[in-house]
Amino acid sequence: MISVILGNKGSGKTKKIIDLCVKATAESKGNVIFIEKDNTLTYDLSYKTRLVAADEYGISGYDAFYGFIAGMCAGDYDITDIFVDSTLKIGGRDYEKLAAFLERLKDLSVRIVLTVSADKEELPEAVAKYAIE
């Protein structure tokens, strides 16, 4: 299941995704992963959540980003949830490539929640359909 939290900078997307991650970590019988651009949220998440800084792995573009996430899922069948903050900073601002990335992600058998710094109106329908309130 793919979900996208939308909103411009300063709209509270990170707070929402942290709250969802904390809840998922408390309820999950497996592993919860939180991917961000750097290590700024180290103290906001439970020690049980695996925090991954994308910058440390040289991820650039949506193909590399998909491979990174799919590789984590292949290496750990106990992953139940993956949360991604600052998706556009990691993958890029090309909305068509973002839409293709989301389509590929939906084939993975984990719940994935991402934040995207954009309004629903400026995104293609292929991305906007995953938006949650």
N, C-alpha and C. Protein backbone atom coordinates (compact mmCIF):
# COMPACT_ATOMS: atom_id res chain seq x y z
N MET A 1 0.84 -1.17 0.00
CA MET A 1 0.00 0.00 0.00
C MET A 1 0.89 1.25 0.00
N ILE A 2 0.62 2.16 -0.89
CA ILE A 2 1.38 3.40 -1.02
C ILE A 2 0.51 4.57 -0.57
N SER A 3 1.07 5.45 0.23
CA SER A 3 0.39 6.67 0.65
C SER A 3 1.37 7.82 0.54
N VAL A 4 0.85 8.99 0.15
CA VAL A 4 1.70 10.17 0.00
C VAL A 4 1.09 11.31 0.82
N ILE A 5 1.91 11.92 1.66
CA ILE A 5 1.51 13.10 2.43
C ILE A 5 1.99 14.31 1.64
N LEU A 6 1.04 15.14 1.21
CA LEU A 6 1.36 16.30 0.37
C LEU A 6 1.29 17.60 1.17
N GLY A 7 1.99 18.60 0.69
CA GLY A 7 1.94 19.93 1.28
C GLY A 7 3.25 20.66 1.02
N ASN A 8 3.16 21.97 1.01
CA ASN A 8 4.36 22.77 0.79
C ASN A 8 5.22 22.80 2.05
N LYS A 9 6.41 23.33 1.92
CA LYS A 9 7.35 23.41 3.04
C LYS A 9 6.68 24.12 4.22
N GLY A 10 6.84 23.53 5.40
CA GLY A 10 6.28 24.13 6.61
C GLY A 10 4.83 23.77 6.89
N SER A 11 4.27 22.84 6.13
CA SER A 11 2.86 22.49 6.30
C SER A 11 2.63 21.35 7.30
N GLY A 12 3.69 20.80 7.88
CA GLY A 12 3.53 19.77 8.90
C GLY A 12 3.64 18.34 8.40
N LYS A 13 4.18 18.15 7.19
CA LYS A 13 4.31 16.80 6.63
C LYS A 13 5.21 15.92 7.49
N THR A 14 6.34 16.45 7.91
CA THR A 14 7.29 15.66 8.69
C THR A 14 6.68 15.25 10.03
N LYS A 15 5.97 16.14 10.67
CA LYS A 15 5.30 15.81 11.94
C LYS A 15 4.31 14.67 11.72
N LYS A 16 3.52 14.74 10.65
CA LYS A 16 2.55 13.69 10.35
C LYS A 16 3.22 12.34 10.13
N ILE A 17 4.29 12.34 9.34
CA ILE A 17 4.95 11.07 9.02
C ILE A 17 5.65 10.50 10.26
N ILE A 18 6.19 11.36 11.11
CA ILE A 18 6.79 10.88 12.36
C ILE A 18 5.72 10.24 13.23
N ASP A 19 4.57 10.87 13.35
CA ASP A 19 3.47 10.31 14.16
C ASP A 19 3.03 8.96 13.62
N LEU A 20 2.90 8.84 12.29
CA LEU A 20 2.53 7.56 11.69
C LEU A 20 3.59 6.50 11.95
N CYS A 21 4.85 6.89 11.86
CA CYS A 21 5.96 5.97 12.08
C CYS A 21 6.00 5.48 13.53
N VAL A 22 5.81 6.38 14.47
CA VAL A 22 5.81 6.01 15.89
C VAL A 22 4.69 5.02 16.17
N LYS A 23 3.52 5.27 15.61
CA LYS A 23 2.38 4.36 15.79
C LYS A 23 2.67 3.00 15.16
N ALA A 24 3.21 3.01 13.94
CA ALA A 24 3.52 1.75 13.25
C ALA A 24 4.56 0.95 14.02
N THR A 25 5.57 1.64 14.56
CA THR A 25 6.62 0.96 15.31
C THR A 25 6.05 0.28 16.55
N ALA A 26 5.12 0.95 17.21
CA ALA A 26 4.51 0.38 18.41
C ALA A 26 3.63 -0.83 18.09
N GLU A 27 3.00 -0.83 16.91
CA GLU A 27 2.05 -1.90 16.56
C GLU A 27 2.65 -3.01 15.71
N SER A 28 3.77 -2.77 15.08
CA SER A 28 4.33 -3.73 14.13
C SER A 28 4.89 -4.97 14.80
N LYS A 29 4.68 -6.10 14.17
CA LYS A 29 5.28 -7.36 14.62
C LYS A 29 6.60 -7.62 13.89
N GLY A 30 6.97 -6.66 13.00
CA GLY A 30 8.21 -6.79 12.22
C GLY A 30 9.06 -5.56 12.36
N ASN A 31 9.73 -5.17 11.29
CA ASN A 31 10.66 -4.04 11.30
C ASN A 31 10.07 -2.84 10.57
N VAL A 32 10.34 -1.66 11.11
CA VAL A 32 9.88 -0.41 10.52
C VAL A 32 11.12 0.39 10.13
N ILE A 33 11.12 0.91 8.90
CA ILE A 33 12.24 1.67 8.35
C ILE A 33 11.79 3.11 8.11
N PHE A 34 12.65 4.07 8.43
CA PHE A 34 12.39 5.47 8.15
C PHE A 34 13.58 5.99 7.34
N ILE A 35 13.31 6.43 6.11
CA ILE A 35 14.36 6.94 5.23
C ILE A 35 14.21 8.45 5.13
N GLU A 36 15.31 9.16 5.37
CA GLU A 36 15.33 10.61 5.19
C GLU A 36 16.61 11.00 4.47
N LYS A 37 16.69 12.24 4.05
CA LYS A 37 17.86 12.69 3.29
C LYS A 37 19.13 12.65 4.13
N ASP A 38 19.04 13.09 5.39
CA ASP A 38 20.19 13.08 6.28
C ASP A 38 19.73 12.60 7.66
N ASN A 39 20.53 12.77 8.68
CA ASN A 39 20.20 12.25 10.01
C ASN A 39 19.59 13.27 10.95
N THR A 40 18.69 14.11 10.49
CA THR A 40 18.14 15.16 11.35
C THR A 40 17.09 14.64 12.33
N LEU A 41 16.47 13.51 12.07
CA LEU A 41 15.38 13.02 12.93
C LEU A 41 15.82 11.94 13.91
N THR A 42 17.08 11.83 14.17
CA THR A 42 17.62 10.78 15.03
C THR A 42 16.90 10.70 16.38
N TYR A 43 16.60 11.84 16.98
CA TYR A 43 16.01 11.85 18.33
C TYR A 43 14.49 11.91 18.32
N ASP A 44 13.87 11.95 17.14
CA ASP A 44 12.42 12.01 17.04
C ASP A 44 11.77 10.64 16.91
N LEU A 45 12.57 9.62 16.64
CA LEU A 45 12.05 8.28 16.40
C LEU A 45 12.51 7.30 17.48
N SER A 46 11.75 6.25 17.64
CA SER A 46 12.09 5.21 18.60
C SER A 46 13.37 4.49 18.18
N TYR A 47 14.10 3.99 19.15
CA TYR A 47 15.29 3.21 18.84
C TYR A 47 14.94 1.92 18.09
N LYS A 48 13.67 1.52 18.14
CA LYS A 48 13.23 0.32 17.43
C LYS A 48 13.05 0.56 15.93
N THR A 49 12.94 1.82 15.54
CA THR A 49 12.80 2.18 14.13
C THR A 49 14.18 2.27 13.51
N ARG A 50 14.36 1.66 12.36
CA ARG A 50 15.65 1.75 11.67
C ARG A 50 15.67 3.03 10.85
N LEU A 51 16.51 3.97 11.24
CA LEU A 51 16.64 5.25 10.55
C LEU A 51 17.75 5.14 9.52
N VAL A 52 17.44 5.50 8.27
CA VAL A 52 18.40 5.41 7.18
C VAL A 52 18.55 6.79 6.54
N ALA A 53 19.78 7.27 6.44
CA ALA A 53 20.07 8.54 5.78
C ALA A 53 20.47 8.26 4.33
N ALA A 54 19.65 8.69 3.39
CA ALA A 54 19.88 8.43 1.97
C ALA A 54 21.21 8.99 1.49
N ASP A 55 21.63 10.13 2.04
CA ASP A 55 22.89 10.74 1.62
C ASP A 55 24.09 9.82 1.86
N GLU A 56 24.01 9.00 2.89
CA GLU A 56 25.12 8.10 3.21
C GLU A 56 25.30 7.00 2.18
N TYR A 57 24.29 6.77 1.34
CA TYR A 57 24.34 5.70 0.34
C TYR A 57 24.43 6.23 -1.09
N GLY A 58 24.54 7.54 -1.25
CA GLY A 58 24.73 8.13 -2.58
C GLY A 58 23.55 7.91 -3.51
N ILE A 59 22.34 7.87 -2.98
CA ILE A 59 21.16 7.65 -3.81
C ILE A 59 20.89 8.92 -4.62
N SER A 60 20.75 8.74 -5.93
CA SER A 60 20.47 9.86 -6.82
C SER A 60 19.50 9.39 -7.89
N GLY A 61 18.31 9.93 -7.89
CA GLY A 61 17.31 9.58 -8.89
C GLY A 61 16.40 8.46 -8.41
N TYR A 62 15.28 8.33 -9.09
CA TYR A 62 14.26 7.38 -8.68
C TYR A 62 14.60 5.92 -8.98
N ASP A 63 15.38 5.66 -10.01
CA ASP A 63 15.79 4.28 -10.29
C ASP A 63 16.66 3.75 -9.16
N ALA A 64 17.63 4.54 -8.75
CA ALA A 64 18.51 4.14 -7.64
C ALA A 64 17.72 4.04 -6.34
N PHE A 65 16.79 4.96 -6.15
CA PHE A 65 15.97 4.96 -4.94
C PHE A 65 15.11 3.70 -4.87
N TYR A 66 14.49 3.33 -6.00
CA TYR A 66 13.69 2.11 -6.02
C TYR A 66 14.56 0.89 -5.73
N GLY A 67 15.72 0.82 -6.36
CA GLY A 67 16.62 -0.30 -6.12
C GLY A 67 17.03 -0.40 -4.66
N PHE A 68 17.26 0.74 -4.03
CA PHE A 68 17.63 0.78 -2.62
C PHE A 68 16.51 0.21 -1.75
N ILE A 69 15.28 0.66 -1.99
CA ILE A 69 14.13 0.19 -1.19
C ILE A 69 13.85 -1.28 -1.47
N ALA A 70 13.87 -1.68 -2.73
CA ALA A 70 13.62 -3.08 -3.08
C ALA A 70 14.70 -3.97 -2.48
N GLY A 71 15.93 -3.51 -2.47
CA GLY A 71 17.02 -4.28 -1.88
C GLY A 71 16.84 -4.47 -0.39
N MET A 72 16.37 -3.43 0.29
CA MET A 72 16.10 -3.57 1.73
C MET A 72 15.01 -4.61 1.96
N CYS A 73 13.96 -4.57 1.14
CA CYS A 73 12.86 -5.53 1.29
C CYS A 73 13.34 -6.95 0.98
N ALA A 74 14.19 -7.11 -0.01
CA ALA A 74 14.72 -8.43 -0.36
C ALA A 74 15.63 -8.98 0.72
N GLY A 75 16.33 -8.10 1.41
CA GLY A 75 17.26 -8.52 2.44
C GLY A 75 16.63 -8.75 3.80
N ASP A 76 15.40 -8.27 3.97
CA ASP A 76 14.73 -8.38 5.27
C ASP A 76 13.24 -8.58 5.04
N TYR A 77 12.80 -9.83 5.09
CA TYR A 77 11.38 -10.15 4.85
C TYR A 77 10.49 -9.73 6.01
N ASP A 78 11.06 -9.26 7.10
CA ASP A 78 10.28 -8.84 8.26
C ASP A 78 9.90 -7.37 8.23
N ILE A 79 10.27 -6.64 7.17
CA ILE A 79 9.89 -5.22 7.07
C ILE A 79 8.39 -5.14 6.82
N THR A 80 7.70 -4.37 7.67
CA THR A 80 6.26 -4.18 7.52
C THR A 80 5.92 -2.80 6.99
N ASP A 81 6.74 -1.80 7.35
CA ASP A 81 6.44 -0.41 6.99
C ASP A 81 7.73 0.31 6.61
N ILE A 82 7.62 1.17 5.59
CA ILE A 82 8.73 2.05 5.21
C ILE A 82 8.17 3.46 5.10
N PHE A 83 8.82 4.38 5.78
CA PHE A 83 8.43 5.79 5.74
C PHE A 83 9.57 6.57 5.09
N VAL A 84 9.21 7.49 4.18
CA VAL A 84 10.22 8.26 3.45
C VAL A 84 9.88 9.74 3.58
N ASP A 85 10.79 10.50 4.18
CA ASP A 85 10.62 11.95 4.29
C ASP A 85 11.49 12.62 3.23
N SER A 86 11.00 13.72 2.68
CA SER A 86 11.73 14.51 1.67
C SER A 86 11.98 13.72 0.39
N THR A 87 10.95 13.10 -0.12
CA THR A 87 11.06 12.27 -1.32
C THR A 87 11.66 13.01 -2.51
N LEU A 88 11.23 14.25 -2.73
CA LEU A 88 11.72 15.00 -3.88
C LEU A 88 13.19 15.39 -3.74
N LYS A 89 13.67 15.57 -2.52
CA LYS A 89 15.08 15.88 -2.30
C LYS A 89 15.96 14.66 -2.61
N ILE A 90 15.42 13.48 -2.41
CA ILE A 90 16.19 12.27 -2.66
C ILE A 90 16.11 11.86 -4.13
N GLY A 91 14.90 11.85 -4.70
CA GLY A 91 14.71 11.35 -6.06
C GLY A 91 14.74 12.38 -7.16
N GLY A 92 14.36 13.62 -6.83
CA GLY A 92 14.31 14.67 -7.84
C GLY A 92 12.90 15.23 -7.99
N ARG A 93 12.79 16.38 -8.66
CA ARG A 93 11.51 17.08 -8.79
C ARG A 93 10.75 16.73 -10.07
N ASP A 94 11.15 15.74 -10.81
CA ASP A 94 10.45 15.33 -12.02
C ASP A 94 9.21 14.52 -11.61
N TYR A 95 8.03 15.12 -11.74
CA TYR A 95 6.80 14.49 -11.26
C TYR A 95 6.41 13.24 -12.05
N GLU A 96 6.77 13.20 -13.32
CA GLU A 96 6.46 12.00 -14.11
C GLU A 96 7.31 10.82 -13.63
N LYS A 97 8.57 11.08 -13.32
CA LYS A 97 9.44 10.02 -12.78
C LYS A 97 8.97 9.61 -11.39
N LEU A 98 8.47 10.57 -10.61
CA LEU A 98 7.91 10.26 -9.30
C LEU A 98 6.71 9.33 -9.45
N ALA A 99 5.85 9.60 -10.42
CA ALA A 99 4.67 8.75 -10.66
C ALA A 99 5.10 7.33 -11.03
N ALA A 100 6.09 7.20 -11.89
CA ALA A 100 6.59 5.87 -12.28
C ALA A 100 7.21 5.16 -11.07
N PHE A 101 7.91 5.89 -10.22
CA PHE A 101 8.50 5.36 -8.99
C PHE A 101 7.41 4.79 -8.08
N LEU A 102 6.34 5.54 -7.89
CA LEU A 102 5.23 5.08 -7.04
C LEU A 102 4.57 3.83 -7.61
N GLU A 103 4.42 3.78 -8.91
CA GLU A 103 3.84 2.59 -9.54
C GLU A 103 4.70 1.35 -9.30
N ARG A 104 6.01 1.52 -9.34
CA ARG A 104 6.91 0.39 -9.08
C ARG A 104 6.85 -0.02 -7.60
N LEU A 105 6.77 0.97 -6.72
CA LEU A 105 6.75 0.68 -5.28
C LEU A 105 5.52 -0.12 -4.86
N LYS A 106 4.40 0.09 -5.54
CA LYS A 106 3.17 -0.58 -5.10
C LYS A 106 3.25 -2.09 -5.26
N ASP A 107 4.22 -2.59 -6.02
CA ASP A 107 4.39 -4.03 -6.17
C ASP A 107 5.13 -4.67 -4.99
N LEU A 108 5.75 -3.84 -4.15
CA LEU A 108 6.43 -4.37 -2.97
C LEU A 108 5.38 -4.66 -1.90
N SER A 109 5.61 -5.69 -1.13
CA SER A 109 4.58 -6.13 -0.18
C SER A 109 4.76 -5.52 1.20
N VAL A 110 4.99 -4.21 1.25
CA VAL A 110 5.09 -3.47 2.51
C VAL A 110 4.28 -2.19 2.39
N ARG A 111 3.91 -1.64 3.52
CA ARG A 111 3.23 -0.35 3.54
C ARG A 111 4.29 0.72 3.40
N ILE A 112 4.11 1.65 2.45
CA ILE A 112 5.08 2.72 2.22
C ILE A 112 4.35 4.06 2.28
N VAL A 113 4.86 4.96 3.12
CA VAL A 113 4.32 6.31 3.25
C VAL A 113 5.44 7.28 2.92
N LEU A 114 5.16 8.24 2.03
CA LEU A 114 6.16 9.21 1.60
C LEU A 114 5.64 10.63 1.79
N THR A 115 6.55 11.58 2.00
CA THR A 115 6.16 12.99 1.97
C THR A 115 6.65 13.60 0.67
N VAL A 116 5.81 14.47 0.10
CA VAL A 116 6.15 15.17 -1.14
C VAL A 116 5.81 16.65 -0.94
N SER A 117 6.78 17.51 -1.11
CA SER A 117 6.59 18.95 -0.93
C SER A 117 5.99 19.56 -2.19
N ALA A 118 4.68 19.41 -2.33
CA ALA A 118 3.95 19.98 -3.46
C ALA A 118 2.46 19.96 -3.13
N ASP A 119 1.72 20.82 -3.79
CA ASP A 119 0.26 20.80 -3.66
C ASP A 119 -0.33 19.77 -4.61
N LYS A 120 -1.45 19.22 -4.23
CA LYS A 120 -2.11 18.18 -5.03
C LYS A 120 -2.40 18.67 -6.45
N GLU A 121 -2.74 19.95 -6.59
CA GLU A 121 -3.11 20.51 -7.89
C GLU A 121 -1.95 20.54 -8.88
N GLU A 122 -0.72 20.63 -8.39
CA GLU A 122 0.42 20.72 -9.31
C GLU A 122 0.99 19.36 -9.70
N LEU A 123 0.45 18.30 -9.14
CA LEU A 123 0.95 16.95 -9.41
C LEU A 123 0.08 16.23 -10.43
N PRO A 124 0.66 15.32 -11.21
CA PRO A 124 -0.16 14.52 -12.13
C PRO A 124 -1.08 13.59 -11.33
N GLU A 125 -2.16 13.18 -11.91
CA GLU A 125 -3.12 12.31 -11.24
C GLU A 125 -2.48 11.01 -10.78
N ALA A 126 -1.48 10.53 -11.50
CA ALA A 126 -0.78 9.29 -11.14
C ALA A 126 -0.09 9.40 -9.79
N VAL A 127 0.21 10.62 -9.33
CA VAL A 127 0.79 10.84 -8.01
C VAL A 127 -0.30 11.23 -7.02
N ALA A 128 -1.17 12.14 -7.42
CA ALA A 128 -2.22 12.67 -6.54
C ALA A 128 -3.16 11.60 -6.02
N LYS A 129 -3.35 10.51 -6.77
CA LYS A 129 -4.27 9.47 -6.33
C LYS A 129 -3.80 8.76 -5.05
N TYR A 130 -2.54 8.88 -4.71
CA TYR A 130 -2.00 8.26 -3.50
C TYR A 130 -2.05 9.18 -2.28
N ALA A 131 -2.52 10.41 -2.46
CA ALA A 131 -2.52 11.41 -1.39
C ALA A 131 -3.45 10.99 -0.25
N ILE A 132 -2.96 11.25 0.96
CA ILE A 132 -3.78 11.04 2.16
C ILE A 132 -3.92 12.38 2.87
N GLU A 133 -4.95 12.51 3.62
CA GLU A 133 -5.18 13.77 4.36
C GLU A 133 -4.60 13.69 5.74
